[in-house]
Protein backbone atom coordinates (compact mmCIF):
# COMPACT_ATOMS: atom_id res chain seq x y z
CA MET A 1 -12.62 -30.66 -7.96
CA ALA A 2 -11.02 -27.06 -8.56
CA GLU A 3 -7.76 -26.58 -6.93
CA GLY A 4 -6.25 -23.33 -5.27
CA ILE A 5 -9.51 -22.01 -4.18
CA GLU A 6 -8.96 -19.87 -0.95
CA LYS A 7 -11.89 -20.78 1.38
CA ASN A 8 -13.71 -18.43 3.25
CA THR A 9 -13.41 -19.66 7.18
CA SER A 10 -17.24 -18.72 7.52
CA ASN A 11 -18.28 -21.66 5.51
CA LYS A 12 -15.68 -24.00 7.01
CA LEU A 13 -17.40 -27.34 8.20
CA THR A 14 -16.81 -28.11 12.23
CA LYS A 15 -16.46 -31.08 14.10
CA LYS A 16 -19.93 -30.66 15.17
CA GLU A 17 -21.48 -31.01 11.49
CA LEU A 18 -19.13 -33.74 10.53
CA MET A 19 -19.91 -35.69 13.61
CA SER A 20 -23.60 -35.41 12.83
CA VAL A 21 -22.79 -36.65 9.12
CA TYR A 22 -21.21 -39.66 10.72
CA LEU A 23 -23.87 -40.63 13.00
CA ARG A 24 -26.62 -40.30 10.41
CA HIS A 25 -24.88 -42.51 8.06
CA TYR A 26 -26.20 -45.47 10.44
CA GLN A 27 -29.73 -44.78 8.96
CA LEU A 28 -28.69 -44.93 5.47
CA LEU A 29 -31.04 -47.86 4.87
CA GLY A 30 -33.93 -46.29 7.01
CA CYS A 31 -35.70 -45.39 4.05
CA PHE A 32 -34.66 -47.73 1.53
CA ASN A 33 -36.77 -47.90 -1.57
CA TYR A 34 -36.44 -49.44 -5.02
CA GLU A 35 -36.09 -46.30 -7.28
CA ARG A 36 -33.48 -44.57 -5.62
CA GLN A 37 -32.65 -46.88 -3.02
CA MET A 38 -30.51 -45.60 -0.39
CA SER A 39 -30.90 -41.86 -1.55
CA THR A 40 -32.92 -40.56 1.04
CA GLY A 41 -30.33 -42.20 3.71
CA PHE A 42 -27.78 -40.12 1.98
CA GLY A 43 -29.55 -36.78 1.79
CA TRP A 44 -30.56 -37.36 5.56
CA ALA A 45 -27.09 -37.68 6.41
CA MET A 46 -25.87 -34.63 4.50
CA THR A 47 -28.53 -32.54 6.02
CA PRO A 48 -26.27 -30.93 8.53
CA VAL A 49 -23.64 -29.71 5.74
CA ILE A 50 -26.21 -28.58 3.57
CA LYS A 51 -27.67 -26.29 6.24
CA LYS A 52 -24.40 -25.29 7.39
CA LEU A 53 -22.85 -24.27 4.07
CA TYR A 54 -26.15 -22.79 2.06
CA SER A 55 -28.33 -21.35 4.98
CA ASN A 56 -28.09 -17.97 3.92
CA ASN A 57 -29.05 -18.96 0.16
CA GLU A 58 -32.03 -20.32 -0.54
CA GLU A 59 -31.61 -21.46 -4.01
CA LYS A 60 -28.35 -23.42 -3.32
CA LEU A 61 -29.95 -24.87 -0.18
CA LYS A 62 -32.71 -26.30 -2.27
CA GLU A 63 -30.04 -27.42 -4.81
CA GLY A 64 -28.01 -29.23 -2.18
CA PHE A 65 -31.02 -31.05 -0.74
CA LYS A 66 -31.94 -32.33 -4.45
CA ARG A 67 -28.36 -33.10 -5.55
CA HIS A 68 -27.93 -35.46 -2.37
CA LEU A 69 -31.51 -37.17 -3.19
CA GLU A 70 -30.42 -38.77 -6.52
CA PHE A 71 -29.80 -42.33 -6.75
CA PHE A 72 -27.43 -43.81 -4.51
CA ASN A 73 -26.48 -47.70 -3.46
CA CYS A 74 -23.48 -48.75 -1.66
CA ALA A 75 -22.46 -50.92 1.18
CA THR A 76 -23.21 -49.34 4.22
CA THR A 77 -19.58 -50.27 5.79
CA THR A 78 -17.81 -48.07 3.06
CA SER A 79 -20.36 -45.60 2.24
CA PRO A 80 -18.77 -43.28 4.81
CA PHE A 81 -16.03 -43.03 2.62
CA ILE A 82 -18.19 -41.44 0.20
CA LEU A 83 -19.90 -39.07 2.29
CA GLY A 84 -16.58 -37.63 3.95
CA ILE A 85 -15.65 -36.98 0.08
CA SER A 86 -19.17 -35.48 -0.39
CA CYS A 87 -18.64 -32.93 2.69
CA ALA A 88 -15.30 -31.71 1.33
CA MET A 89 -16.58 -30.87 -1.91
CA GLU A 90 -19.71 -29.23 -0.68
CA GLU A 91 -17.31 -27.36 1.27
CA GLN A 92 -15.12 -26.42 -1.73
CA TYR A 93 -17.97 -25.49 -3.92
CA ALA A 94 -19.89 -23.47 -0.92
CA ASN A 95 -16.40 -21.14 -0.68
CA SER A 96 -15.83 -20.90 -4.76
CA GLU A 97 -16.24 -18.16 -6.78
CA GLU A 98 -19.24 -18.57 -9.27
CA GLY A 99 -18.09 -21.07 -12.10
CA GLU A 100 -14.88 -22.03 -10.56
CA PHE A 101 -16.39 -25.24 -9.57
CA GLU A 102 -18.30 -27.73 -11.34
CA VAL A 103 -21.11 -28.69 -9.23
CA SER A 104 -22.29 -31.65 -11.21
CA SER A 105 -18.67 -33.58 -10.18
CA ILE A 106 -20.19 -34.12 -6.64
CA ASN A 107 -22.46 -36.46 -8.09
CA SER A 108 -20.20 -37.79 -10.55
CA VAL A 109 -17.77 -38.49 -7.95
CA LYS A 110 -20.37 -40.50 -5.98
CA ALA A 111 -21.37 -42.54 -8.61
CA ALA A 112 -18.10 -43.25 -9.52
CA LEU A 113 -17.22 -44.48 -6.30
CA MET A 114 -20.39 -46.54 -5.64
CA GLY A 115 -19.46 -49.72 -7.62
CA PRO A 116 -15.77 -50.24 -6.36
CA LEU A 117 -16.87 -49.43 -3.02
CA ALA A 118 -19.77 -51.68 -2.51
CA GLY A 119 -17.70 -54.51 -4.22
CA ILE A 120 -15.26 -53.80 -1.35
CA GLY A 121 -17.94 -53.29 1.55
CA ASP A 122 -19.88 -56.79 0.21
CA SER A 123 -17.01 -59.13 -0.30
CA PHE A 124 -14.94 -58.27 2.78
CA PHE A 125 -17.89 -57.33 5.28
CA TRP A 126 -20.96 -58.78 4.06
CA GLY A 127 -19.71 -62.02 2.31
CA THR A 128 -15.97 -62.51 4.37
CA PHE A 129 -15.77 -61.12 7.98
CA ARG A 130 -19.59 -61.55 8.89
CA VAL A 131 -19.63 -65.22 7.38
CA ILE A 132 -16.30 -65.99 9.43
CA GLY A 133 -17.41 -64.24 12.47
CA VAL A 134 -20.86 -66.41 12.41
CA GLY A 135 -18.97 -69.63 11.38
CA ILE A 136 -16.70 -69.31 14.47
CA GLY A 137 -19.27 -67.84 16.76
CA ALA A 138 -22.37 -69.49 15.92
CA PRO A 139 -21.03 -72.97 17.01
CA LEU A 140 -19.82 -71.65 20.45
CA ALA A 141 -23.18 -69.71 20.90
CA ILE A 142 -25.23 -72.65 20.53
CA GLN A 143 -23.07 -74.51 23.21
CA GLY A 144 -23.96 -71.73 25.60
CA ASN A 145 -20.39 -70.31 25.08
CA ILE A 146 -20.09 -66.67 25.31
CA LEU A 147 -16.94 -66.43 23.22
CA GLY A 148 -19.22 -66.76 20.49
CA PRO A 149 -20.81 -63.64 20.37
CA LEU A 150 -17.67 -62.03 21.57
CA LEU A 151 -15.65 -63.62 18.58
CA TYR A 152 -18.42 -62.36 16.17
CA PHE A 153 -17.90 -59.13 17.85
CA LEU A 154 -14.68 -58.79 17.29
CA ILE A 155 -14.29 -60.50 14.01
CA ASN A 156 -16.97 -58.76 11.96
CA VAL A 157 -18.03 -55.73 14.23
CA ILE A 158 -14.77 -54.03 15.44
CA PRO A 159 -13.22 -54.31 11.70
CA SER A 160 -16.50 -52.63 10.42
CA GLU A 161 -16.28 -49.96 12.59
CA LEU A 162 -12.85 -49.10 12.12
CA ILE A 163 -13.28 -48.85 8.32
CA ARG A 164 -16.67 -46.61 8.84
CA TRP A 165 -14.81 -44.21 11.04
CA PHE A 166 -11.43 -43.97 9.27
CA GLY A 167 -12.68 -44.24 5.77
CA PHE A 168 -15.18 -41.15 7.10
CA LYS A 169 -12.02 -39.21 7.94
CA ALA A 170 -10.15 -40.20 4.62
CA GLY A 171 -12.62 -39.14 2.46
CA TYR A 172 -12.83 -35.64 3.86
CA LYS A 173 -9.36 -35.27 3.94
CA GLY A 174 -9.12 -36.54 0.10
CA GLY A 175 -9.04 -39.96 -0.08
CA SER A 176 -10.24 -40.17 -3.72
CA GLU A 177 -6.76 -39.84 -4.87
CA PHE A 178 -5.81 -43.28 -2.87
CA LEU A 179 -8.80 -45.23 -4.56
CA THR A 180 -7.95 -44.02 -8.08
CA LYS A 181 -4.59 -45.23 -7.60
CA ILE A 182 -5.44 -48.74 -6.23
CA SER A 183 -8.01 -49.05 -8.80
CA ALA A 184 -5.62 -48.37 -11.61
CA ASP A 185 -2.80 -50.59 -10.75
CA GLY A 186 -5.10 -53.56 -10.38
CA THR A 187 -4.76 -53.90 -6.32
CA LEU A 188 -8.69 -53.26 -5.78
CA GLN A 189 -9.57 -55.96 -8.33
CA LYS A 190 -7.17 -58.40 -6.58
CA LEU A 191 -8.46 -57.62 -3.09
CA THR A 192 -11.75 -58.05 -3.96
CA GLU A 193 -11.24 -61.11 -5.68
CA ALA A 194 -9.05 -62.76 -3.03
CA ALA A 195 -12.12 -61.80 -0.49
CA LYS A 196 -14.54 -63.53 -2.52
CA VAL A 197 -12.51 -66.64 -2.75
CA LEU A 198 -12.02 -66.51 1.02
CA GLY A 199 -15.79 -65.96 1.55
CA LEU A 200 -16.78 -69.11 -0.49
CA VAL A 201 -13.91 -71.16 1.43
CA VAL A 202 -15.66 -70.31 4.61
CA ILE A 203 -19.30 -70.82 3.12
CA GLY A 204 -18.09 -74.51 2.34
CA ALA A 205 -17.03 -74.97 5.76
CA MET A 206 -19.98 -73.57 7.40
CA ILE A 207 -22.32 -76.17 5.10
CA ALA A 208 -20.61 -79.03 7.32
CA ALA A 209 -20.96 -77.70 10.58
CA MET A 210 -24.22 -75.90 10.18
CA VAL A 211 -26.50 -77.44 7.98
CA ASN A 212 -27.64 -81.05 9.53
CA VAL A 213 -29.93 -83.51 7.61
CA ASN A 214 -30.44 -86.84 9.56
CA VAL A 215 -31.94 -89.90 8.29
CA PRO A 216 -32.25 -92.10 11.28
CA ALA A 217 -34.25 -94.97 9.09
CA ILE A 218 -32.97 -98.64 9.53
CA ILE A 219 -33.80 -101.45 6.68
CA ASN A 220 -33.70 -104.71 7.38
CA LEU A 221 -31.74 -106.72 4.38
CA ASN A 222 -31.97 -110.49 4.75
CA GLY A 223 -31.75 -110.03 8.12
CA ALA A 224 -28.82 -107.48 8.41
CA GLU A 225 -29.87 -104.34 9.89
CA VAL A 226 -28.16 -101.45 7.67
CA ASN A 227 -28.36 -97.95 9.18
CA ILE A 228 -28.99 -95.46 6.07
CA GLN A 229 -27.59 -92.50 7.75
CA GLU A 230 -24.08 -94.73 8.53
CA THR A 231 -24.33 -95.81 4.73
CA LEU A 232 -24.65 -92.39 3.38
CA ASP A 233 -21.72 -91.09 5.68
CA SER A 234 -19.17 -93.97 4.58
CA ILE A 235 -19.89 -93.05 0.79
CA LEU A 236 -19.69 -89.23 1.50
CA PRO A 237 -19.83 -87.39 5.10
CA LYS A 238 -22.03 -84.61 4.74
CA GLY A 239 -23.57 -85.33 1.54
CA LEU A 240 -27.16 -84.67 2.36
CA PRO A 241 -26.27 -81.31 3.52
CA LEU A 242 -24.44 -80.39 0.52
CA LEU A 243 -27.27 -81.68 -1.80
CA LEU A 244 -29.70 -79.84 0.36
CA THR A 245 -27.55 -76.42 0.15
CA PHE A 246 -27.40 -77.12 -3.91
CA GLY A 247 -30.90 -77.92 -4.17
CA CYS A 248 -31.82 -74.22 -2.22
CA TYR A 249 -29.02 -72.44 -4.37
CA GLY A 250 -31.01 -73.75 -7.29
CA LEU A 251 -34.11 -72.75 -6.28
CA LEU A 252 -32.72 -69.24 -5.74
CA GLN A 253 -31.18 -69.14 -9.11
CA LYS A 254 -34.58 -69.81 -10.53
CA LYS A 255 -36.16 -66.66 -8.67
CA ILE A 256 -37.61 -68.41 -6.06
CA SER A 257 -38.42 -66.47 -2.89
CA GLY A 258 -36.18 -67.50 0.17
CA THR A 259 -39.20 -67.08 2.20
CA TRP A 260 -41.10 -69.84 0.20
CA ILE A 261 -38.00 -71.90 0.27
CA MET A 262 -37.76 -71.38 4.00
CA PHE A 263 -41.46 -72.47 4.36
CA GLY A 264 -40.86 -75.57 2.41
CA LEU A 265 -37.65 -76.77 4.26
CA LEU A 266 -39.82 -76.34 7.49
CA LEU A 267 -42.89 -78.20 5.92
CA LEU A 268 -40.17 -80.94 4.44
CA GLY A 269 -38.93 -81.44 8.18
CA ILE A 270 -42.36 -81.95 9.66
CA ILE A 271 -43.45 -84.32 7.20
CA GLY A 272 -40.02 -86.40 7.54
CA VAL A 273 -39.90 -86.47 11.24
CA ALA A 274 -43.47 -87.74 11.09
CA LEU A 275 -42.92 -90.26 8.88
CA GLY A 276 -39.81 -91.52 10.58
CA ILE A 277 -37.60 -90.70 7.41
CA LEU A 278 -35.78 -87.70 9.10
CA GLY A 279 -34.60 -87.21 12.44
């Protein structure tokens, strides 16, 4: 971005436009497509800014809309940070003299931030806080305890909303320097790896707590009754849920649709119960 540019207050974004952009970011996935992914949602979110800054210049108005319909894909929780920076850069461009601002830098910054911020958002919020929240809240909710949804809200929803709001504000005020700094000194990579490890630990715990495979069959060996489930648990507690989880993961790795795996599990459960193998 060009620095030292004196802005014309007539092209200054107000709280009204900024709040509109922030509220619209919740619709980033509203028109997802496999060609440009979240581009339509991003363009929709930036619409109030483009209209405010370029309403008197039809050519720049069209260019602004096209600019933000380029490919975009990022975690929704961290996307407001990029939206904030985009607002600041559009504002700076609108108030600069011809040739003083390289307009292509707007999309360049977006492209540079998508990857690391997607990693942060997916690792912390999609793969960590959400999983921890569900892991703690779901067992309570199954028991009918109101603490289940409340804990999920406290662990996952509130941190996500705080990051969205303060990320947007930080982005608009020039947070790109901060991200560049923590990327350069390795802090960003360490945080991402730590989040991945924590998320995997929680998922491992959820397998034992949430996945249940019960074999109630009892076999008779020379007059002695042997409970298969108790025998399996004495060898490796929760071994069957672990094997089932690994089996599903293996099918996913082979590009088998999750929907077909779900139907397969449903069919397996029905047949197993009908034959008395599963309970």
